[in-house]
Amino acid sequence: MNQIDRSGLIRLTDAEAAIPGPPGPHSVSFLQRGTLNVKLSLPVHPNQQTPHTQDELYVIARGSGVLVHDGRRDSFDAAT
């Protein structure tokens, strides 16, 4: 989808296919509207990140893991 599209369909497989993968980036931006930037990430274990300046929302499409944030550990998986 591009900036002038008002609606559309984003397929997970299409976004996933756009990720360069190892040894390059593990994510791709697939929707941008104003300050909203939606990315698909396929992290490589172990995935350790530093805090980001932009708000984030995680949607788990498949797999599982543990998110460590603000001193807490939250388990997650695609089924919950």
N, C-alpha and C. Protein backbone atom coordinates (compact mmCIF):
# COMPACT_ATOMS: atom_id res chain seq x y z
N MET A 1 0.85 -1.17 0.00
CA MET A 1 0.00 0.00 0.00
C MET A 1 0.90 1.24 0.00
N ASN A 2 0.47 2.27 -0.64
CA ASN A 2 1.26 3.50 -0.63
C ASN A 2 0.50 4.62 0.07
N GLN A 3 1.11 5.78 0.14
CA GLN A 3 0.56 6.89 0.91
C GLN A 3 -0.82 7.34 0.43
N ILE A 4 -1.14 7.21 -0.87
CA ILE A 4 -2.42 7.72 -1.35
C ILE A 4 -3.56 6.71 -1.26
N ASP A 5 -3.26 5.43 -0.96
CA ASP A 5 -4.31 4.44 -0.80
C ASP A 5 -5.17 4.77 0.41
N ARG A 6 -6.49 4.66 0.27
CA ARG A 6 -7.39 4.91 1.40
C ARG A 6 -7.76 3.60 2.08
N SER A 7 -7.69 2.50 1.37
CA SER A 7 -7.98 1.20 1.96
C SER A 7 -7.27 0.13 1.15
N GLY A 8 -7.19 -1.04 1.71
CA GLY A 8 -6.52 -2.11 1.01
C GLY A 8 -6.37 -3.34 1.88
N LEU A 9 -5.77 -4.33 1.32
CA LEU A 9 -5.56 -5.60 1.99
C LEU A 9 -4.05 -5.83 2.10
N ILE A 10 -3.61 -6.17 3.29
CA ILE A 10 -2.20 -6.47 3.51
C ILE A 10 -2.12 -7.93 3.90
N ARG A 11 -1.47 -8.71 3.10
CA ARG A 11 -1.31 -10.14 3.39
C ARG A 11 0.00 -10.35 4.15
N LEU A 12 -0.07 -11.12 5.21
CA LEU A 12 1.11 -11.41 6.01
C LEU A 12 2.22 -12.00 5.14
N THR A 13 1.88 -12.89 4.24
CA THR A 13 2.90 -13.52 3.39
C THR A 13 3.58 -12.50 2.48
N ASP A 14 2.84 -11.49 2.00
CA ASP A 14 3.45 -10.45 1.15
C ASP A 14 4.42 -9.59 1.95
N ALA A 15 4.02 -9.20 3.15
CA ALA A 15 4.89 -8.39 4.00
C ALA A 15 6.12 -9.20 4.39
N GLU A 16 5.92 -10.46 4.73
CA GLU A 16 7.03 -11.33 5.12
C GLU A 16 8.03 -11.50 3.98
N ALA A 17 7.54 -11.62 2.76
CA ALA A 17 8.42 -11.80 1.60
C ALA A 17 9.29 -10.57 1.33
N ALA A 18 8.89 -9.40 1.84
CA ALA A 18 9.64 -8.17 1.62
C ALA A 18 10.79 -7.98 2.62
N ILE A 19 10.87 -8.86 3.63
CA ILE A 19 11.94 -8.75 4.63
C ILE A 19 13.22 -9.33 4.05
N PRO A 20 14.31 -8.53 4.04
CA PRO A 20 15.57 -9.02 3.48
C PRO A 20 16.12 -10.25 4.19
N GLY A 21 15.98 -10.31 5.50
CA GLY A 21 16.45 -11.46 6.27
C GLY A 21 17.94 -11.47 6.49
N PRO A 22 18.38 -12.52 7.18
CA PRO A 22 19.80 -12.60 7.51
C PRO A 22 20.66 -12.54 6.25
N PRO A 23 21.76 -11.83 6.27
CA PRO A 23 22.32 -11.12 7.41
C PRO A 23 21.81 -9.69 7.51
N GLY A 24 20.80 -9.33 6.74
CA GLY A 24 20.29 -7.96 6.74
C GLY A 24 19.20 -7.74 7.76
N PRO A 25 18.38 -6.69 7.55
CA PRO A 25 17.30 -6.36 8.49
C PRO A 25 16.30 -7.50 8.65
N HIS A 26 15.64 -7.54 9.79
CA HIS A 26 14.65 -8.57 10.08
C HIS A 26 13.25 -8.00 10.14
N SER A 27 13.06 -6.80 9.58
CA SER A 27 11.73 -6.20 9.59
C SER A 27 11.53 -5.36 8.33
N VAL A 28 10.26 -5.06 8.06
CA VAL A 28 9.93 -4.23 6.92
C VAL A 28 8.73 -3.36 7.29
N SER A 29 8.74 -2.12 6.87
CA SER A 29 7.61 -1.23 7.05
C SER A 29 6.62 -1.50 5.92
N PHE A 30 5.37 -1.80 6.25
CA PHE A 30 4.42 -2.11 5.18
C PHE A 30 3.18 -1.23 5.18
N LEU A 31 3.08 -0.28 6.11
CA LEU A 31 1.96 0.66 6.11
C LEU A 31 2.39 1.91 6.86
N GLN A 32 2.27 3.07 6.21
CA GLN A 32 2.57 4.34 6.86
C GLN A 32 1.43 5.32 6.61
N ARG A 33 0.96 5.92 7.70
CA ARG A 33 -0.08 6.95 7.66
C ARG A 33 0.31 8.01 8.68
N GLY A 34 0.65 9.18 8.26
CA GLY A 34 1.06 10.23 9.20
C GLY A 34 2.24 9.74 10.02
N THR A 35 2.09 9.76 11.35
CA THR A 35 3.17 9.29 12.21
C THR A 35 3.08 7.79 12.51
N LEU A 36 2.03 7.13 12.02
CA LEU A 36 1.89 5.69 12.21
C LEU A 36 2.78 4.96 11.22
N ASN A 37 3.61 4.04 11.72
CA ASN A 37 4.47 3.24 10.87
C ASN A 37 4.33 1.79 11.32
N VAL A 38 3.64 0.95 10.52
CA VAL A 38 3.40 -0.44 10.88
C VAL A 38 4.47 -1.30 10.21
N LYS A 39 5.14 -2.10 11.04
CA LYS A 39 6.22 -2.95 10.55
C LYS A 39 5.93 -4.40 10.89
N LEU A 40 6.44 -5.29 10.05
CA LEU A 40 6.43 -6.72 10.34
C LEU A 40 7.86 -7.08 10.68
N SER A 41 8.04 -7.75 11.80
CA SER A 41 9.36 -8.17 12.24
C SER A 41 9.39 -9.68 12.41
N LEU A 42 10.45 -10.29 11.91
CA LEU A 42 10.69 -11.71 12.13
C LEU A 42 12.03 -11.82 12.86
N PRO A 43 11.99 -11.63 14.18
CA PRO A 43 13.24 -11.57 14.94
C PRO A 43 13.98 -12.90 14.94
N VAL A 44 15.28 -12.80 15.05
CA VAL A 44 16.15 -13.96 15.16
C VAL A 44 16.53 -14.11 16.63
N HIS A 45 16.44 -15.31 17.15
CA HIS A 45 16.72 -15.59 18.56
C HIS A 45 18.21 -15.49 18.85
N PRO A 46 18.65 -14.90 19.92
CA PRO A 46 17.84 -14.10 20.85
C PRO A 46 17.65 -12.70 20.32
N ASN A 47 16.46 -12.17 20.45
CA ASN A 47 16.14 -10.83 19.96
C ASN A 47 16.20 -9.85 21.13
N GLN A 48 17.26 -9.09 21.19
CA GLN A 48 17.41 -8.11 22.26
C GLN A 48 17.41 -6.73 21.63
N GLN A 49 16.58 -5.85 22.17
CA GLN A 49 16.44 -4.50 21.63
C GLN A 49 16.61 -3.48 22.74
N THR A 50 16.92 -2.27 22.34
CA THR A 50 16.96 -1.16 23.27
C THR A 50 15.61 -0.44 23.18
N PRO A 51 15.24 0.35 24.19
CA PRO A 51 13.96 1.07 24.13
C PRO A 51 13.86 1.95 22.88
N HIS A 52 12.66 2.05 22.36
CA HIS A 52 12.39 2.86 21.18
C HIS A 52 11.73 4.17 21.58
N THR A 53 11.90 5.19 20.77
CA THR A 53 11.28 6.48 21.08
C THR A 53 9.83 6.53 20.62
N GLN A 54 9.44 5.68 19.70
CA GLN A 54 8.07 5.66 19.19
C GLN A 54 7.26 4.59 19.92
N ASP A 55 5.98 4.86 20.15
CA ASP A 55 5.10 3.86 20.76
C ASP A 55 5.09 2.61 19.90
N GLU A 56 4.89 1.46 20.55
CA GLU A 56 4.87 0.19 19.83
C GLU A 56 3.70 -0.65 20.27
N LEU A 57 3.19 -1.42 19.33
CA LEU A 57 2.14 -2.40 19.58
C LEU A 57 2.61 -3.70 18.96
N TYR A 58 2.59 -4.78 19.73
CA TYR A 58 3.03 -6.07 19.23
C TYR A 58 1.81 -6.95 18.97
N VAL A 59 1.70 -7.51 17.77
CA VAL A 59 0.67 -8.47 17.42
C VAL A 59 1.40 -9.75 17.04
N ILE A 60 1.10 -10.83 17.72
CA ILE A 60 1.80 -12.08 17.49
C ILE A 60 0.99 -12.92 16.50
N ALA A 61 1.56 -13.13 15.31
CA ALA A 61 0.87 -13.89 14.27
C ALA A 61 1.14 -15.39 14.40
N ARG A 62 2.35 -15.73 14.84
CA ARG A 62 2.69 -17.14 15.07
C ARG A 62 3.91 -17.19 15.98
N GLY A 63 4.06 -18.32 16.65
CA GLY A 63 5.20 -18.49 17.53
C GLY A 63 4.91 -18.03 18.95
N SER A 64 5.97 -17.96 19.74
CA SER A 64 5.83 -17.58 21.14
C SER A 64 7.15 -16.99 21.63
N GLY A 65 7.11 -16.41 22.83
CA GLY A 65 8.30 -15.83 23.39
C GLY A 65 8.02 -15.17 24.72
N VAL A 66 8.97 -14.39 25.18
CA VAL A 66 8.84 -13.64 26.42
C VAL A 66 9.26 -12.21 26.14
N LEU A 67 8.42 -11.26 26.49
CA LEU A 67 8.73 -9.85 26.35
C LEU A 67 9.13 -9.33 27.72
N VAL A 68 10.34 -8.77 27.79
CA VAL A 68 10.83 -8.20 29.04
C VAL A 68 10.75 -6.69 28.90
N HIS A 69 9.98 -6.06 29.79
CA HIS A 69 9.79 -4.61 29.71
C HIS A 69 9.43 -4.07 31.09
N ASP A 70 9.92 -2.88 31.37
CA ASP A 70 9.62 -2.21 32.64
C ASP A 70 9.82 -3.13 33.85
N GLY A 71 10.84 -3.99 33.78
CA GLY A 71 11.13 -4.89 34.89
C GLY A 71 10.21 -6.09 34.98
N ARG A 72 9.34 -6.28 33.99
CA ARG A 72 8.40 -7.41 33.99
C ARG A 72 8.74 -8.36 32.85
N ARG A 73 8.35 -9.61 33.01
CA ARG A 73 8.47 -10.62 31.96
C ARG A 73 7.06 -11.10 31.62
N ASP A 74 6.65 -10.95 30.36
CA ASP A 74 5.34 -11.40 29.92
C ASP A 74 5.50 -12.42 28.81
N SER A 75 5.03 -13.64 29.07
CA SER A 75 5.02 -14.67 28.03
C SER A 75 3.92 -14.37 27.04
N PHE A 76 4.15 -14.75 25.78
CA PHE A 76 3.13 -14.54 24.76
C PHE A 76 3.19 -15.65 23.74
N ASP A 77 2.09 -15.87 23.04
CA ASP A 77 2.06 -16.76 21.89
C ASP A 77 0.90 -16.35 21.01
N ALA A 78 0.86 -16.90 19.82
CA ALA A 78 -0.16 -16.51 18.85
C ALA A 78 -1.57 -16.91 19.26
N ALA A 79 -1.70 -17.88 20.15
CA ALA A 79 -3.03 -18.37 20.54
C ALA A 79 -3.66 -17.59 21.67
N THR A 80 -2.88 -16.79 22.42
CA THR A 80 -3.46 -16.10 23.58
C THR A 80 -3.68 -14.64 23.31
